[in-house]
Amino acid sequence: MADSGRVPPLLRLCRGCRQFVRLDEADCPFCGGDLDLLQADYEQRVTDMRQALTELREALARARAAEGEA
């Protein structure tokens, strides 16, 4: 248990191995990955997934509309 009144250090998540590392680290001490590049890749994948979800929702809405017209 943390000492009373002690503020824990701020950490960031390595998107390569999912370990928490110190903010001042450039490379993950666990997997050796470049933390900034791994984060940028993660953010791009999330953006791509959100775009795919939007397109799927639009396609489903069009399919429902087409069924209603038939």
C-alpha atoms as a PDB file:
ATOM      1  CA  MET A   1       0.000   0.000   0.000  1.00  0.00           C
ATOM      2  CA  ALA A   2       1.240   3.482  -0.815  1.00  0.00           C
ATOM      3  CA  ASP A   3       2.476   5.676   2.001  1.00  0.00           C
ATOM      4  CA  SER A   4      -0.151   8.132   3.183  1.00  0.00           C
ATOM      5  CA  GLY A   5       0.278  11.513   1.505  1.00  0.00           C
ATOM      6  CA  ARG A   6       2.741  10.211  -1.079  1.00  0.00           C
ATOM      7  CA  VAL A   7       1.888  11.101  -4.678  1.00  0.00           C
ATOM      8  CA  PRO A   8       2.581   8.197  -7.040  1.00  0.00           C
ATOM      9  CA  PRO A   9       4.721   8.930 -10.106  1.00  0.00           C
ATOM     10  CA  LEU A  10       3.012   9.684 -13.407  1.00  0.00           C
ATOM     11  CA  LEU A  11       3.384   6.823 -15.854  1.00  0.00           C
ATOM     12  CA  ARG A  12       2.506   6.140 -19.477  1.00  0.00           C
ATOM     13  CA  LEU A  13       1.417   2.927 -21.105  1.00  0.00           C
ATOM     14  CA  CYS A  14       3.718   1.248 -23.597  1.00  0.00           C
ATOM     15  CA  ARG A  15       1.497   0.334 -26.544  1.00  0.00           C
ATOM     16  CA  GLY A  16       3.921  -2.444 -27.471  1.00  0.00           C
ATOM     17  CA  CYS A  17       3.948  -4.576 -24.330  1.00  0.00           C
ATOM     18  CA  ARG A  18       1.277  -2.812 -22.242  1.00  0.00           C
ATOM     19  CA  GLN A  19       3.620  -2.147 -19.328  1.00  0.00           C
ATOM     20  CA  PHE A  20       3.601   1.179 -17.527  1.00  0.00           C
ATOM     21  CA  VAL A  21       6.800   3.202 -17.853  1.00  0.00           C
ATOM     22  CA  ARG A  22       8.077   6.543 -16.579  1.00  0.00           C
ATOM     23  CA  LEU A  23       7.181   9.662 -18.559  1.00  0.00           C
ATOM     24  CA  ASP A  24      10.841  10.498 -19.213  1.00  0.00           C
ATOM     25  CA  GLU A  25      11.503   7.211 -21.028  1.00  0.00           C
ATOM     26  CA  ALA A  26      11.905   7.392 -24.824  1.00  0.00           C
ATOM     27  CA  ASP A  27      12.146   3.627 -25.293  1.00  0.00           C
ATOM     28  CA  CYS A  28      10.289   1.020 -23.272  1.00  0.00           C
ATOM     29  CA  PRO A  29      12.661  -0.642 -20.788  1.00  0.00           C
ATOM     30  CA  PHE A  30      10.604  -3.853 -21.068  1.00  0.00           C
ATOM     31  CA  CYS A  31      10.199  -4.411 -24.838  1.00  0.00           C
ATOM     32  CA  GLY A  32      12.612  -1.812 -26.253  1.00  0.00           C
ATOM     33  CA  GLY A  33       9.929  -0.169 -28.396  1.00  0.00           C
ATOM     34  CA  ASP A  34       9.971   3.532 -29.274  1.00  0.00           C
ATOM     35  CA  LEU A  35       7.152   4.845 -27.073  1.00  0.00           C
ATOM     36  CA  ASP A  36       6.229   7.778 -29.317  1.00  0.00           C
ATOM     37  CA  LEU A  37       6.096   5.623 -32.462  1.00  0.00           C
ATOM     38  CA  LEU A  38       4.065   2.943 -30.695  1.00  0.00           C
ATOM     39  CA  GLN A  39       1.628   5.588 -29.421  1.00  0.00           C
ATOM     40  CA  ALA A  40       1.280   7.150 -32.890  1.00  0.00           C
ATOM     41  CA  ASP A  41       0.613   3.717 -34.414  1.00  0.00           C
ATOM     42  CA  TYR A  42      -1.993   2.993 -31.747  1.00  0.00           C
ATOM     43  CA  GLU A  43      -3.753   6.315 -32.344  1.00  0.00           C
ATOM     44  CA  GLN A  44      -3.815   5.676 -36.117  1.00  0.00           C
ATOM     45  CA  ARG A  45      -5.319   2.216 -35.599  1.00  0.00           C
ATOM     46  CA  VAL A  46      -8.001   3.675 -33.302  1.00  0.00           C
ATOM     47  CA  THR A  47      -8.801   6.325 -35.932  1.00  0.00           C
ATOM     48  CA  ASP A  48      -9.031   3.624 -38.619  1.00  0.00           C
ATOM     49  CA  MET A  49     -11.343   1.511 -36.443  1.00  0.00           C
ATOM     50  CA  ARG A  50     -13.608   4.475 -35.740  1.00  0.00           C
ATOM     51  CA  GLN A  51     -13.791   5.256 -39.457  1.00  0.00           C
ATOM     52  CA  ALA A  52     -14.645   1.618 -40.228  1.00  0.00           C
ATOM     53  CA  LEU A  53     -17.359   1.706 -37.560  1.00  0.00           C
ATOM     54  CA  THR A  54     -18.840   4.867 -39.065  1.00  0.00           C
ATOM     55  CA  GLU A  55     -18.861   3.291 -42.524  1.00  0.00           C
ATOM     56  CA  LEU A  56     -20.480   0.120 -41.172  1.00  0.00           C
ATOM     57  CA  ARG A  57     -23.194   2.093 -39.403  1.00  0.00           C
ATOM     58  CA  GLU A  58     -23.901   4.050 -42.590  1.00  0.00           C
ATOM     59  CA  ALA A  59     -24.071   0.842 -44.651  1.00  0.00           C
ATOM     60  CA  LEU A  60     -26.460  -0.730 -42.150  1.00  0.00           C
ATOM     61  CA  ALA A  61     -28.659   2.367 -42.186  1.00  0.00           C
ATOM     62  CA  ARG A  62     -28.783   2.245 -46.001  1.00  0.00           C
ATOM     63  CA  ALA A  63     -29.651  -1.466 -45.898  1.00  0.00           C
ATOM     64  CA  ARG A  64     -32.476  -0.827 -43.406  1.00  0.00           C
ATOM     65  CA  ALA A  65     -33.787   2.027 -45.563  1.00  0.00           C
ATOM     66  CA  ALA A  66     -33.695  -0.196 -48.659  1.00  0.00           C
ATOM     67  CA  GLU A  67     -35.636  -2.911 -46.806  1.00  0.00           C
ATOM     68  CA  GLY A  68     -38.267  -0.381 -45.818  1.00  0.00           C
ATOM     69  CA  GLU A  69     -38.714   0.687 -49.434  1.00  0.00           C
ATOM     70  CA  ALA A  70     -39.207  -2.873 -50.663  1.00  0.00           C
END
